[in-house]
Amino acid sequence: MNQELKKKEVTQLVARCYNTLGNERTVAFLDELKDLGFRLRDAFGSLDRHRRHAHPSSKERHISSAREQVNEVEQPVPRRRHHER
């Protein structure tokens, strides 16, 4: 099986394992599944950390651009005098 499972599908899989394999082997299967989940999280987590830190200059450019836009918006609007309308 190589697909994402929804909660209901996981429940059905566990029930099927329990009915087919029994308690002890189902617990061992779930323990291995949990360990696999942690290993994948760690592997993809390290890739994600690398991706987030790979282009700090791009991040700085976005922050700088956003600050410039905020500064433009915060500039006081010149007041018109009554006779300038």
Protein backbone atom coordinates (compact mmCIF):
# COMPACT_ATOMS: atom_id res chain seq x y z
CA MET A 1 0.00 0.00 0.00
CA ASN A 2 1.49 3.31 -1.06
CA GLN A 3 -1.07 6.03 -0.47
CA GLU A 4 -2.20 8.56 2.08
CA LEU A 5 -4.84 7.22 4.43
CA LYS A 6 -7.61 9.17 6.06
CA LYS A 7 -8.57 8.50 9.68
CA LYS A 8 -11.40 6.12 8.72
CA GLU A 9 -9.08 4.15 6.43
CA VAL A 10 -6.44 3.84 9.17
CA THR A 11 -9.11 2.54 11.54
CA GLN A 12 -10.19 -0.02 8.95
CA LEU A 13 -6.57 -1.09 8.36
CA VAL A 14 -5.93 -1.57 12.07
CA ALA A 15 -9.15 -3.59 12.44
CA ARG A 16 -8.19 -5.75 9.47
CA CYS A 17 -4.70 -6.34 10.91
CA TYR A 18 -6.15 -7.22 14.30
CA ASN A 19 -8.68 -9.63 12.81
CA THR A 20 -6.07 -11.26 10.57
CA LEU A 21 -2.90 -11.15 12.66
CA GLY A 22 -4.06 -10.87 16.24
CA ASN A 23 -3.17 -8.47 19.00
CA GLU A 24 0.59 -9.00 19.35
CA ARG A 25 1.44 -8.72 15.66
CA THR A 26 -0.92 -5.74 15.19
CA VAL A 27 0.81 -3.89 18.03
CA ALA A 28 4.21 -4.67 16.48
CA PHE A 29 2.97 -3.43 13.08
CA LEU A 30 1.65 -0.19 14.58
CA ASP A 31 4.92 0.34 16.45
CA GLU A 32 6.89 -0.07 13.21
CA LEU A 33 4.45 2.25 11.42
CA LYS A 34 4.94 4.89 14.13
CA ASP A 35 8.73 4.59 13.83
CA LEU A 36 8.49 4.97 10.06
CA GLY A 37 6.41 8.10 10.53
CA PHE A 38 9.05 9.61 12.82
CA ARG A 39 11.86 8.73 10.41
CA LEU A 40 10.00 10.32 7.49
CA ARG A 41 9.18 13.41 9.56
CA ASP A 42 12.83 13.79 10.48
CA ALA A 43 13.98 13.26 6.88
CA PHE A 44 11.49 15.69 5.38
CA GLY A 45 11.91 18.09 8.27
CA SER A 46 15.63 18.37 7.57
CA LEU A 47 14.87 19.00 3.88
CA ASP A 48 12.37 21.70 4.86
CA ARG A 49 14.88 23.36 7.23
CA HIS A 50 17.46 23.33 4.43
CA ARG A 51 14.98 24.87 1.99
CA ARG A 52 13.99 27.61 4.46
CA HIS A 53 17.61 28.58 5.07
CA ALA A 54 18.89 28.10 1.54
CA HIS A 55 17.98 31.57 0.26
CA PRO A 56 18.26 34.09 3.08
CA SER A 57 19.05 36.89 0.62
CA SER A 58 15.69 36.33 -1.06
CA LYS A 59 13.99 36.48 2.34
CA GLU A 60 15.83 39.69 3.18
CA ARG A 61 14.76 41.23 -0.14
CA HIS A 62 11.12 40.43 0.61
CA ILE A 63 11.39 41.90 4.10
CA SER A 64 13.12 45.01 2.78
CA SER A 65 10.47 45.46 0.08
CA ALA A 66 7.68 45.05 2.62
CA ARG A 67 9.27 47.62 4.92
CA GLU A 68 9.54 50.10 2.04
CA GLN A 69 5.86 49.63 1.24
CA VAL A 70 4.91 50.16 4.89
CA ASN A 71 7.02 53.32 5.02
CA GLU A 72 5.28 54.66 1.90
CA VAL A 73 1.85 54.03 3.41
CA GLU A 74 2.84 55.62 6.70
CA GLN A 75 4.03 58.86 5.07
CA PRO A 76 1.77 61.74 6.11
CA VAL A 77 -0.57 62.94 3.41
CA PRO A 78 0.01 66.62 2.65
CA ARG A 79 -2.94 68.69 3.77
CA ARG A 80 -4.61 70.85 1.17
CA ARG A 81 -5.36 74.41 1.96
CA HIS A 82 -8.87 75.61 1.52
CA HIS A 83 -8.10 77.63 -1.61
CA GLU A 84 -6.31 74.70 -3.41
CA ARG A 85 -9.49 72.75 -4.19
